[in-house]
Amino acid sequence: MADPYFFGYGSLVNISTHDFPDPRPARLKGWRRAWRHTDLRPVAFLTAIPDPECEIDGMIAHVPRNDWAALDEREWAYDRIPATQSISHPLQHEVEIAVYAVPAERQNTPDGPHPILLSYIDVVVQGYLRAFGTEGADRFFATTDGWDAPILNDRAAPRYPRHQQLKPPETEFVDDRLKQVSARISEIA
């Protein structure tokens, strides 16, 4: 029987946000990331969207005893989609890998009332910096759509439930790359 794994491409890349075992860098072919919001959550978040011309870096990790309940709860606004054949990874044994994505019919473009949280971006980029270095973090920005969405600077009082403390060079990297993509960042009123 194949071991169950998931492919994370956002906050799950940051292994400080979970304790799933055996995290490994991997790559998902035929998908890219996009910032979206749904009627299920008050803020925008990342989802994977099909794109046959794209590949995205991420992390796979083991789901012990095939117990998906905790991960399904964390990713409750997403559908779990089989993706084994689309993922390249270093494992040598038989695995089944799933990716989480928001159903297309529930996706909306982020807007003022549904911004991206800067504390969420920080967590994701910190994960990419630590797992893939600056080149991998740059690929994260390049393979993610929706940087024109409003971003709420909540660093002083993080609203993202799994926020992490960034080191000064990590914060500088995030701020620099957000400038490069001409991000619109607003302060909490």
N, C-alpha and C. Protein backbone atom coordinates (compact mmCIF):
# COMPACT_ATOMS: atom_id res chain seq x y z
N MET A 1 0.83 -1.18 0.00
CA MET A 1 0.00 0.00 0.00
C MET A 1 0.88 1.25 0.00
N ALA A 2 0.53 2.24 -0.80
CA ALA A 2 1.30 3.47 -0.94
C ALA A 2 1.15 4.34 0.30
N ASP A 3 2.24 4.99 0.69
CA ASP A 3 2.21 5.92 1.82
C ASP A 3 1.54 7.23 1.39
N PRO A 4 0.65 7.77 2.22
CA PRO A 4 -0.01 9.04 1.87
C PRO A 4 0.86 10.24 2.23
N TYR A 5 0.95 11.17 1.29
CA TYR A 5 1.67 12.43 1.46
C TYR A 5 0.80 13.55 0.92
N PHE A 6 1.09 14.78 1.37
CA PHE A 6 0.45 15.94 0.77
C PHE A 6 1.55 16.81 0.17
N PHE A 7 1.16 17.64 -0.80
CA PHE A 7 2.05 18.63 -1.38
C PHE A 7 1.56 20.00 -0.92
N GLY A 8 2.41 20.71 -0.19
CA GLY A 8 2.09 22.07 0.25
C GLY A 8 2.83 23.09 -0.58
N TYR A 9 2.17 24.18 -0.93
CA TYR A 9 2.76 25.21 -1.80
C TYR A 9 2.62 26.60 -1.22
N GLY A 10 2.13 26.70 0.02
CA GLY A 10 1.96 27.99 0.70
C GLY A 10 2.53 27.89 2.10
N SER A 11 1.68 28.07 3.09
CA SER A 11 2.16 28.04 4.48
C SER A 11 2.69 26.67 4.88
N LEU A 12 2.24 25.61 4.23
CA LEU A 12 2.74 24.27 4.55
C LEU A 12 4.20 24.07 4.16
N VAL A 13 4.74 24.96 3.34
CA VAL A 13 6.17 24.90 3.02
C VAL A 13 6.98 25.27 4.27
N ASN A 14 6.41 26.12 5.10
CA ASN A 14 7.07 26.54 6.32
C ASN A 14 6.84 25.47 7.38
N ILE A 15 7.84 24.62 7.61
CA ILE A 15 7.65 23.48 8.50
C ILE A 15 7.49 23.88 9.96
N SER A 16 7.67 25.17 10.26
CA SER A 16 7.38 25.65 11.62
C SER A 16 5.87 25.74 11.87
N THR A 17 5.06 25.61 10.83
CA THR A 17 3.61 25.75 10.98
C THR A 17 2.89 24.41 11.14
N HIS A 18 3.65 23.30 11.11
CA HIS A 18 3.00 21.99 11.25
C HIS A 18 4.03 20.98 11.75
N ASP A 19 3.52 19.82 12.13
CA ASP A 19 4.43 18.77 12.62
C ASP A 19 4.28 17.47 11.82
N PHE A 20 3.85 17.58 10.56
CA PHE A 20 3.78 16.39 9.72
C PHE A 20 5.19 15.89 9.45
N PRO A 21 5.40 14.56 9.54
CA PRO A 21 6.75 14.02 9.41
C PRO A 21 7.25 13.93 7.97
N ASP A 22 8.56 13.81 7.87
CA ASP A 22 9.26 13.55 6.62
C ASP A 22 9.02 14.63 5.55
N PRO A 23 9.13 15.92 5.92
CA PRO A 23 8.97 16.96 4.89
C PRO A 23 10.15 16.95 3.93
N ARG A 24 9.84 17.06 2.65
CA ARG A 24 10.86 17.04 1.59
C ARG A 24 10.49 18.03 0.50
N PRO A 25 11.48 18.72 -0.06
CA PRO A 25 11.20 19.58 -1.22
C PRO A 25 10.67 18.73 -2.38
N ALA A 26 9.77 19.32 -3.13
CA ALA A 26 9.16 18.64 -4.28
C ALA A 26 8.72 19.70 -5.28
N ARG A 27 8.24 19.24 -6.43
CA ARG A 27 7.79 20.16 -7.47
C ARG A 27 6.51 19.61 -8.10
N LEU A 28 5.53 20.50 -8.26
CA LEU A 28 4.24 20.16 -8.85
C LEU A 28 4.17 20.74 -10.26
N LYS A 29 3.96 19.87 -11.25
CA LYS A 29 3.90 20.30 -12.65
C LYS A 29 2.44 20.49 -13.06
N GLY A 30 2.22 21.52 -13.89
CA GLY A 30 0.90 21.76 -14.43
C GLY A 30 0.01 22.64 -13.55
N TRP A 31 0.61 23.28 -12.57
CA TRP A 31 -0.14 24.16 -11.67
C TRP A 31 0.68 25.41 -11.39
N ARG A 32 -0.01 26.46 -10.94
CA ARG A 32 0.62 27.66 -10.42
C ARG A 32 -0.19 28.12 -9.22
N ARG A 33 0.29 29.08 -8.49
CA ARG A 33 -0.43 29.61 -7.33
C ARG A 33 -1.17 30.88 -7.73
N ALA A 34 -2.24 31.17 -6.97
CA ALA A 34 -2.96 32.43 -7.15
C ALA A 34 -3.55 32.86 -5.81
N TRP A 35 -3.60 34.16 -5.61
CA TRP A 35 -4.27 34.71 -4.43
C TRP A 35 -5.75 34.79 -4.75
N ARG A 36 -6.58 34.20 -3.91
CA ARG A 36 -8.02 34.19 -4.09
C ARG A 36 -8.72 34.36 -2.74
N HIS A 37 -9.96 34.76 -2.81
CA HIS A 37 -10.79 34.71 -1.61
C HIS A 37 -12.06 33.97 -1.97
N THR A 38 -12.71 33.44 -0.98
CA THR A 38 -13.98 32.73 -1.17
C THR A 38 -14.97 33.25 -0.14
N ASP A 39 -16.19 32.83 -0.28
CA ASP A 39 -17.20 33.19 0.71
C ASP A 39 -16.98 32.42 2.02
N LEU A 40 -16.01 31.52 2.05
CA LEU A 40 -15.75 30.70 3.23
C LEU A 40 -14.80 31.35 4.22
N ARG A 41 -14.03 32.36 3.77
CA ARG A 41 -13.04 32.99 4.64
C ARG A 41 -13.08 34.51 4.43
N PRO A 42 -12.75 35.27 5.48
CA PRO A 42 -12.82 36.73 5.35
C PRO A 42 -11.63 37.37 4.64
N VAL A 43 -10.54 36.63 4.48
CA VAL A 43 -9.35 37.19 3.82
C VAL A 43 -8.94 36.29 2.65
N ALA A 44 -8.09 36.84 1.81
CA ALA A 44 -7.59 36.07 0.66
C ALA A 44 -6.49 35.12 1.11
N PHE A 45 -6.31 34.05 0.35
CA PHE A 45 -5.28 33.07 0.63
C PHE A 45 -4.86 32.41 -0.67
N LEU A 46 -3.82 31.61 -0.59
CA LEU A 46 -3.28 30.96 -1.79
C LEU A 46 -4.09 29.74 -2.18
N THR A 47 -4.19 29.53 -3.47
CA THR A 47 -4.70 28.28 -3.99
C THR A 47 -3.85 27.89 -5.19
N ALA A 48 -3.93 26.63 -5.54
CA ALA A 48 -3.28 26.16 -6.76
C ALA A 48 -4.32 26.17 -7.87
N ILE A 49 -3.91 26.63 -9.05
CA ILE A 49 -4.80 26.63 -10.21
C ILE A 49 -4.08 25.92 -11.36
N PRO A 50 -4.82 25.17 -12.16
CA PRO A 50 -4.19 24.47 -13.28
C PRO A 50 -3.53 25.44 -14.26
N ASP A 51 -2.32 25.08 -14.68
CA ASP A 51 -1.57 25.83 -15.68
C ASP A 51 -0.57 24.87 -16.30
N PRO A 52 -0.87 24.35 -17.48
CA PRO A 52 0.00 23.33 -18.07
C PRO A 52 1.42 23.81 -18.37
N GLU A 53 1.65 25.10 -18.38
CA GLU A 53 2.98 25.64 -18.69
C GLU A 53 3.82 25.94 -17.45
N CYS A 54 3.30 25.64 -16.27
CA CYS A 54 3.98 26.08 -15.04
C CYS A 54 4.35 24.90 -14.15
N GLU A 55 5.33 25.12 -13.30
CA GLU A 55 5.72 24.19 -12.23
C GLU A 55 5.93 25.03 -10.98
N ILE A 56 5.54 24.49 -9.84
CA ILE A 56 5.76 25.22 -8.59
C ILE A 56 6.50 24.34 -7.58
N ASP A 57 7.40 24.97 -6.86
CA ASP A 57 8.10 24.30 -5.77
C ASP A 57 7.17 24.22 -4.57
N GLY A 58 7.41 23.21 -3.75
CA GLY A 58 6.66 23.07 -2.51
C GLY A 58 7.29 21.98 -1.66
N MET A 59 6.56 21.58 -0.65
CA MET A 59 7.04 20.52 0.25
C MET A 59 6.00 19.41 0.28
N ILE A 60 6.50 18.18 0.27
CA ILE A 60 5.63 17.06 0.57
C ILE A 60 5.91 16.65 2.01
N ALA A 61 4.92 16.07 2.65
CA ALA A 61 5.10 15.52 3.99
C ALA A 61 4.14 14.36 4.17
N HIS A 62 4.51 13.46 5.04
CA HIS A 62 3.76 12.24 5.27
C HIS A 62 2.50 12.50 6.11
N VAL A 63 1.45 11.79 5.78
CA VAL A 63 0.21 11.83 6.56
C VAL A 63 0.13 10.49 7.30
N PRO A 64 0.58 10.45 8.58
CA PRO A 64 0.66 9.18 9.31
C PRO A 64 -0.69 8.46 9.41
N ARG A 65 -0.62 7.15 9.26
CA ARG A 65 -1.79 6.28 9.38
C ARG A 65 -2.94 6.68 8.44
N ASN A 66 -2.61 7.39 7.37
CA ASN A 66 -3.62 7.81 6.41
C ASN A 66 -4.71 8.65 7.08
N ASP A 67 -4.36 9.34 8.16
CA ASP A 67 -5.30 10.13 8.94
C ASP A 67 -5.28 11.58 8.43
N TRP A 68 -6.15 11.87 7.51
CA TRP A 68 -6.20 13.17 6.87
C TRP A 68 -7.00 14.20 7.67
N ALA A 69 -7.62 13.81 8.78
CA ALA A 69 -8.56 14.68 9.49
C ALA A 69 -7.94 16.02 9.89
N ALA A 70 -6.76 16.01 10.51
CA ALA A 70 -6.15 17.27 10.96
C ALA A 70 -5.81 18.18 9.79
N LEU A 71 -5.28 17.60 8.73
CA LEU A 71 -4.93 18.41 7.56
C LEU A 71 -6.19 18.91 6.85
N ASP A 72 -7.19 18.06 6.73
CA ASP A 72 -8.46 18.50 6.12
C ASP A 72 -9.08 19.63 6.92
N GLU A 73 -8.94 19.59 8.25
CA GLU A 73 -9.47 20.67 9.08
C GLU A 73 -8.71 21.96 8.84
N ARG A 74 -7.40 21.86 8.78
CA ARG A 74 -6.57 23.05 8.51
C ARG A 74 -6.90 23.63 7.14
N GLU A 75 -7.10 22.79 6.17
CA GLU A 75 -7.33 23.20 4.78
C GLU A 75 -8.81 23.11 4.40
N TRP A 76 -9.68 23.42 5.32
CA TRP A 76 -11.12 23.17 5.17
C TRP A 76 -11.78 23.92 4.01
N ALA A 77 -11.22 24.97 3.52
CA ALA A 77 -11.84 25.70 2.39
C ALA A 77 -11.40 25.15 1.04
N TYR A 78 -10.59 24.09 1.06
CA TYR A 78 -10.02 23.51 -0.16
C TYR A 78 -10.60 22.12 -0.41
N ASP A 79 -10.47 21.67 -1.65
CA ASP A 79 -10.70 20.27 -2.00
C ASP A 79 -9.34 19.57 -2.03
N ARG A 80 -9.31 18.32 -1.58
CA ARG A 80 -8.09 17.52 -1.67
C ARG A 80 -8.12 16.78 -3.00
N ILE A 81 -7.06 16.96 -3.80
CA ILE A 81 -7.03 16.43 -5.17
C ILE A 81 -5.84 15.49 -5.32
N PRO A 82 -6.05 14.28 -5.87
CA PRO A 82 -4.91 13.39 -6.13
C PRO A 82 -3.94 14.05 -7.13
N ALA A 83 -2.64 13.98 -6.84
CA ALA A 83 -1.67 14.65 -7.70
C ALA A 83 -0.37 13.87 -7.85
N THR A 84 -0.35 12.62 -7.48
CA THR A 84 0.89 11.84 -7.45
C THR A 84 1.67 11.93 -8.76
N GLN A 85 0.99 11.77 -9.88
CA GLN A 85 1.68 11.73 -11.17
C GLN A 85 2.25 13.07 -11.59
N SER A 86 1.82 14.16 -10.96
CA SER A 86 2.27 15.50 -11.33
C SER A 86 3.41 16.01 -10.45
N ILE A 87 3.84 15.20 -9.49
CA ILE A 87 4.81 15.68 -8.51
C ILE A 87 6.13 14.92 -8.63
N SER A 88 7.21 15.68 -8.75
CA SER A 88 8.54 15.08 -8.69
C SER A 88 9.07 15.28 -7.28
N HIS A 89 9.68 14.23 -6.74
CA HIS A 89 10.11 14.22 -5.34
C HIS A 89 11.25 13.23 -5.18
N PRO A 90 11.96 13.29 -4.05
CA PRO A 90 13.12 12.41 -3.86
C PRO A 90 12.80 11.03 -3.27
N LEU A 91 11.56 10.76 -2.92
CA LEU A 91 11.25 9.49 -2.25
C LEU A 91 11.40 8.31 -3.21
N GLN A 92 11.86 7.19 -2.66
CA GLN A 92 12.08 6.00 -3.47
C GLN A 92 10.99 4.94 -3.30
N HIS A 93 10.15 5.09 -2.29
CA HIS A 93 9.09 4.11 -2.08
C HIS A 93 7.76 4.61 -2.67
N GLU A 94 6.78 3.73 -2.74
CA GLU A 94 5.50 4.07 -3.36
C GLU A 94 4.71 5.03 -2.47
N VAL A 95 4.27 6.14 -3.07
CA VAL A 95 3.50 7.15 -2.35
C VAL A 95 2.29 7.57 -3.17
N GLU A 96 1.30 8.06 -2.46
CA GLU A 96 0.15 8.74 -3.08
C GLU A 96 0.16 10.14 -2.51
N ILE A 97 0.16 11.14 -3.41
CA ILE A 97 0.29 12.53 -2.97
C ILE A 97 -0.95 13.32 -3.40
N ALA A 98 -1.46 14.11 -2.47
CA ALA A 98 -2.60 14.97 -2.74
C ALA A 98 -2.19 16.43 -2.62
N VAL A 99 -2.89 17.29 -3.34
CA VAL A 99 -2.71 18.73 -3.24
C VAL A 99 -4.08 19.34 -2.93
N TYR A 100 -4.08 20.41 -2.19
CA TYR A 100 -5.32 21.10 -1.86
C TYR A 100 -5.49 22.31 -2.76
N ALA A 101 -6.73 22.49 -3.28
CA ALA A 101 -7.03 23.64 -4.14
C ALA A 101 -8.47 24.07 -3.90
N VAL A 102 -8.69 25.35 -3.98
CA VAL A 102 -10.05 25.90 -3.85
C VAL A 102 -10.81 25.58 -5.14
N PRO A 103 -12.03 25.05 -5.03
CA PRO A 103 -12.81 24.79 -6.25
C PRO A 103 -12.97 26.06 -7.08
N ALA A 104 -12.84 25.94 -8.38
CA ALA A 104 -12.87 27.10 -9.28
C ALA A 104 -14.13 27.93 -9.09
N GLU A 105 -15.26 27.28 -8.85
CA GLU A 105 -16.52 28.02 -8.72
C GLU A 105 -16.61 28.84 -7.43
N ARG A 106 -15.69 28.63 -6.49
CA ARG A 106 -15.69 29.38 -5.21
C ARG A 106 -14.63 30.48 -5.19
N GLN A 107 -13.83 30.57 -6.25
CA GLN A 107 -12.72 31.53 -6.27
C GLN A 107 -13.19 32.91 -6.70
N ASN A 108 -12.73 33.92 -5.96
CA ASN A 108 -12.97 35.31 -6.29
C ASN A 108 -11.65 36.06 -6.19
N THR A 109 -11.55 37.17 -6.92
CA THR A 109 -10.36 38.00 -6.86
C THR A 109 -10.35 38.75 -5.53
N PRO A 110 -9.22 38.79 -4.84
CA PRO A 110 -9.16 39.55 -3.58
C PRO A 110 -9.51 41.02 -3.82
N ASP A 111 -10.11 41.63 -2.82
CA ASP A 111 -10.48 43.04 -2.90
C ASP A 111 -10.31 43.68 -1.53
N GLY A 112 -10.68 44.95 -1.42
CA GLY A 112 -10.51 45.69 -0.18
C GLY A 112 -11.06 44.99 1.06
N PRO A 113 -12.30 44.51 1.01
CA PRO A 113 -12.83 43.82 2.19
C PRO A 113 -12.23 42.42 2.41
N HIS A 114 -11.54 41.88 1.41
CA HIS A 114 -10.94 40.54 1.48
C HIS A 114 -9.48 40.60 1.05
N PRO A 115 -8.63 41.27 1.86
CA PRO A 115 -7.23 41.44 1.48
C PRO A 115 -6.39 40.21 1.78
N ILE A 116 -5.15 40.26 1.32
CA ILE A 116 -4.13 39.28 1.71
C ILE A 116 -3.50 39.80 3.00
N LEU A 117 -3.27 38.94 3.95
CA LEU A 117 -2.60 39.34 5.19
C LEU A 117 -1.09 39.29 5.00
N LEU A 118 -0.41 40.37 5.36
CA LEU A 118 1.04 40.39 5.26
C LEU A 118 1.66 39.32 6.17
N SER A 119 1.03 39.04 7.30
CA SER A 119 1.55 38.00 8.19
C SER A 119 1.51 36.63 7.52
N TYR A 120 0.56 36.42 6.63
CA TYR A 120 0.48 35.16 5.88
C TYR A 120 1.59 35.11 4.83
N ILE A 121 1.76 36.21 4.09
CA ILE A 121 2.85 36.28 3.11
C ILE A 121 4.18 36.00 3.80
N ASP A 122 4.39 36.63 4.97
CA ASP A 122 5.64 36.44 5.71
C ASP A 122 5.90 34.96 6.00
N VAL A 123 4.88 34.25 6.46
CA VAL A 123 5.03 32.83 6.79
C VAL A 123 5.41 32.02 5.55
N VAL A 124 4.72 32.28 4.46
CA VAL A 124 4.97 31.53 3.23
C VAL A 124 6.38 31.81 2.72
N VAL A 125 6.75 33.08 2.62
CA VAL A 125 8.06 33.42 2.08
C VAL A 125 9.17 32.92 3.00
N GLN A 126 8.98 32.99 4.30
CA GLN A 126 9.97 32.44 5.23
C GLN A 126 10.19 30.96 4.94
N GLY A 127 9.12 30.24 4.71
CA GLY A 127 9.23 28.82 4.37
C GLY A 127 10.03 28.59 3.10
N TYR A 128 9.75 29.39 2.07
CA TYR A 128 10.49 29.25 0.81
C TYR A 128 11.95 29.63 0.97
N LEU A 129 12.23 30.68 1.71
CA LEU A 129 13.62 31.07 1.94
C LEU A 129 14.39 29.95 2.63
N ARG A 130 13.78 29.35 3.63
CA ARG A 130 14.47 28.32 4.40
C ARG A 130 14.59 27.01 3.65
N ALA A 131 13.62 26.67 2.82
CA ALA A 131 13.65 25.39 2.11
C ALA A 131 14.34 25.49 0.74
N PHE A 132 14.22 26.64 0.07
CA PHE A 132 14.69 26.76 -1.32
C PHE A 132 15.66 27.92 -1.55
N GLY A 133 15.96 28.69 -0.50
CA GLY A 133 16.87 29.82 -0.65
C GLY A 133 16.22 30.98 -1.38
N THR A 134 17.04 32.01 -1.66
CA THR A 134 16.48 33.21 -2.30
C THR A 134 15.97 32.91 -3.71
N GLU A 135 16.66 32.02 -4.44
CA GLU A 135 16.19 31.69 -5.80
C GLU A 135 14.81 31.03 -5.75
N GLY A 136 14.61 30.14 -4.78
CA GLY A 136 13.31 29.49 -4.64
C GLY A 136 12.23 30.46 -4.21
N ALA A 137 12.58 31.38 -3.32
CA ALA A 137 11.60 32.39 -2.90
C ALA A 137 11.26 33.32 -4.06
N ASP A 138 12.24 33.63 -4.89
CA ASP A 138 11.95 34.43 -6.08
C ASP A 138 11.03 33.66 -7.04
N ARG A 139 11.25 32.34 -7.17
CA ARG A 139 10.36 31.54 -8.01
C ARG A 139 8.94 31.55 -7.44
N PHE A 140 8.82 31.57 -6.10
CA PHE A 140 7.49 31.67 -5.49
C PHE A 140 6.77 32.92 -5.99
N PHE A 141 7.44 34.06 -5.95
CA PHE A 141 6.81 35.30 -6.42
C PHE A 141 6.48 35.21 -7.91
N ALA A 142 7.38 34.64 -8.71
CA ALA A 142 7.18 34.57 -10.16
C ALA A 142 6.06 33.61 -10.57
N THR A 143 5.79 32.59 -9.76
CA THR A 143 4.79 31.58 -10.12
C THR A 143 3.51 31.74 -9.30
N THR A 144 3.28 32.96 -8.81
CA THR A 144 2.07 33.26 -8.06
C THR A 144 1.38 34.45 -8.70
N ASP A 145 0.10 34.30 -9.02
CA ASP A 145 -0.70 35.38 -9.60
C ASP A 145 -1.43 36.15 -8.50
N GLY A 146 -1.76 37.40 -8.80
CA GLY A 146 -2.61 38.17 -7.91
C GLY A 146 -1.89 39.15 -7.02
N TRP A 147 -0.65 39.52 -7.36
CA TRP A 147 0.08 40.47 -6.53
C TRP A 147 -0.50 41.87 -6.61
N ASP A 148 -1.45 42.10 -7.48
CA ASP A 148 -2.12 43.40 -7.53
C ASP A 148 -3.24 43.50 -6.50
N ALA A 149 -3.49 42.44 -5.75
CA ALA A 149 -4.52 42.44 -4.71
C ALA A 149 -4.09 43.32 -3.53
N PRO A 150 -5.04 43.87 -2.79
CA PRO A 150 -4.67 44.64 -1.61
C PRO A 150 -4.07 43.74 -0.52
N ILE A 151 -3.05 44.26 0.14
CA ILE A 151 -2.37 43.55 1.22
C ILE A 151 -2.51 44.38 2.49
N LEU A 152 -2.93 43.74 3.55
CA LEU A 152 -3.11 44.40 4.84
C LEU A 152 -1.89 44.15 5.72
N ASN A 153 -1.21 45.22 6.13
CA ASN A 153 -0.05 45.10 6.99
C ASN A 153 -0.51 44.84 8.43
N ASP A 154 -0.53 43.58 8.80
CA ASP A 154 -0.94 43.18 10.16
C ASP A 154 0.24 42.68 10.98
N ARG A 155 1.45 43.04 10.60
CA ARG A 155 2.64 42.54 11.31
C ARG A 155 2.63 42.90 12.79
N ALA A 156 2.16 44.08 13.15
CA ALA A 156 2.18 44.50 14.55
C ALA A 156 1.21 43.68 15.39
N ALA A 157 0.13 43.23 14.79
CA ALA A 157 -0.87 42.39 15.47
C ALA A 157 -1.33 41.33 14.47
N PRO A 158 -0.51 40.30 14.26
CA PRO A 158 -0.79 39.31 13.22
C PRO A 158 -2.17 38.64 13.36
N ARG A 159 -2.87 38.61 12.24
CA ARG A 159 -4.18 37.94 12.19
C ARG A 159 -4.07 36.51 11.67
N TYR A 160 -2.99 36.21 10.99
CA TYR A 160 -2.82 34.86 10.48
C TYR A 160 -2.54 33.93 11.67
N PRO A 161 -3.32 32.87 11.84
CA PRO A 161 -3.22 32.06 13.04
C PRO A 161 -1.89 31.32 13.23
N ARG A 162 -1.14 31.09 12.18
CA ARG A 162 0.14 30.38 12.29
C ARG A 162 1.31 31.32 11.99
N HIS A 163 1.13 32.60 12.32
CA HIS A 163 2.19 33.57 12.03
C HIS A 163 3.49 33.17 12.72
N GLN A 164 4.59 33.62 12.15
CA GLN A 164 5.93 33.32 12.65
C GLN A 164 6.71 34.63 12.76
N GLN A 165 7.68 34.65 13.65
CA GLN A 165 8.57 35.80 13.76
C GLN A 165 9.65 35.67 12.68
N LEU A 166 9.77 36.67 11.84
CA LEU A 166 10.80 36.67 10.81
C LEU A 166 12.07 37.30 11.35
N LYS A 167 13.20 36.83 10.86
CA LYS A 167 14.48 37.47 11.15
C LYS A 167 14.55 38.72 10.27
N PRO A 168 15.30 39.75 10.69
CA PRO A 168 15.37 40.98 9.89
C PRO A 168 15.70 40.77 8.40
N PRO A 169 16.65 39.89 8.03
CA PRO A 169 16.89 39.70 6.59
C PRO A 169 15.67 39.09 5.86
N GLU A 170 14.90 38.26 6.55
CA GLU A 170 13.69 37.69 5.93
C GLU A 170 12.66 38.79 5.69
N THR A 171 12.47 39.66 6.68
CA THR A 171 11.53 40.78 6.53
C THR A 171 11.96 41.69 5.39
N GLU A 172 13.25 41.98 5.33
CA GLU A 172 13.77 42.82 4.25
C GLU A 172 13.53 42.18 2.89
N PHE A 173 13.73 40.86 2.80
CA PHE A 173 13.49 40.16 1.54
C PHE A 173 12.03 40.29 1.13
N VAL A 174 11.11 40.01 2.06
CA VAL A 174 9.67 40.11 1.75
C VAL A 174 9.35 41.53 1.27
N ASP A 175 9.77 42.53 2.04
CA ASP A 175 9.45 43.91 1.69
C ASP A 175 10.02 44.30 0.33
N ASP A 176 11.25 43.87 0.04
CA ASP A 176 11.87 44.17 -1.25
C ASP A 176 11.10 43.52 -2.40
N ARG A 177 10.73 42.25 -2.24
CA ARG A 177 10.04 41.57 -3.34
C ARG A 177 8.63 42.12 -3.53
N LEU A 178 7.98 42.53 -2.45
CA LEU A 178 6.66 43.14 -2.60
C LEU A 178 6.77 44.48 -3.35
N LYS A 179 7.84 45.21 -3.13
CA LYS A 179 8.06 46.45 -3.90
C LYS A 179 8.26 46.11 -5.37
N GLN A 180 9.02 45.05 -5.64
CA GLN A 180 9.30 44.66 -7.03
C GLN A 180 8.04 44.29 -7.79
N VAL A 181 7.04 43.73 -7.09
CA VAL A 181 5.79 43.35 -7.77
C VAL A 181 4.74 44.46 -7.66
N SER A 182 5.18 45.65 -7.18
CA SER A 182 4.30 46.82 -7.03
C SER A 182 3.07 46.52 -6.17
N ALA A 183 3.29 45.80 -5.07
CA ALA A 183 2.19 45.45 -4.17
C ALA A 183 1.63 46.70 -3.50
N ARG A 184 0.32 46.66 -3.27
CA ARG A 184 -0.37 47.74 -2.57
C ARG A 184 -0.61 47.31 -1.12
N ILE A 185 0.15 47.91 -0.21
CA ILE A 185 0.07 47.54 1.19
C ILE A 185 -0.60 48.66 1.97
N SER A 186 -1.61 48.30 2.73
CA SER A 186 -2.29 49.30 3.55
C SER A 186 -2.10 48.95 5.02
N GLU A 187 -2.14 49.98 5.84
CA GLU A 187 -2.00 49.80 7.28
C GLU A 187 -3.37 49.53 7.89
N ILE A 188 -3.37 48.87 9.03
CA ILE A 188 -4.63 48.62 9.76
C ILE A 188 -5.14 49.96 10.27
N ALA A 189 -6.40 50.22 10.03
CA ALA A 189 -7.00 51.49 10.46
C ALA A 189 -7.31 51.49 11.94
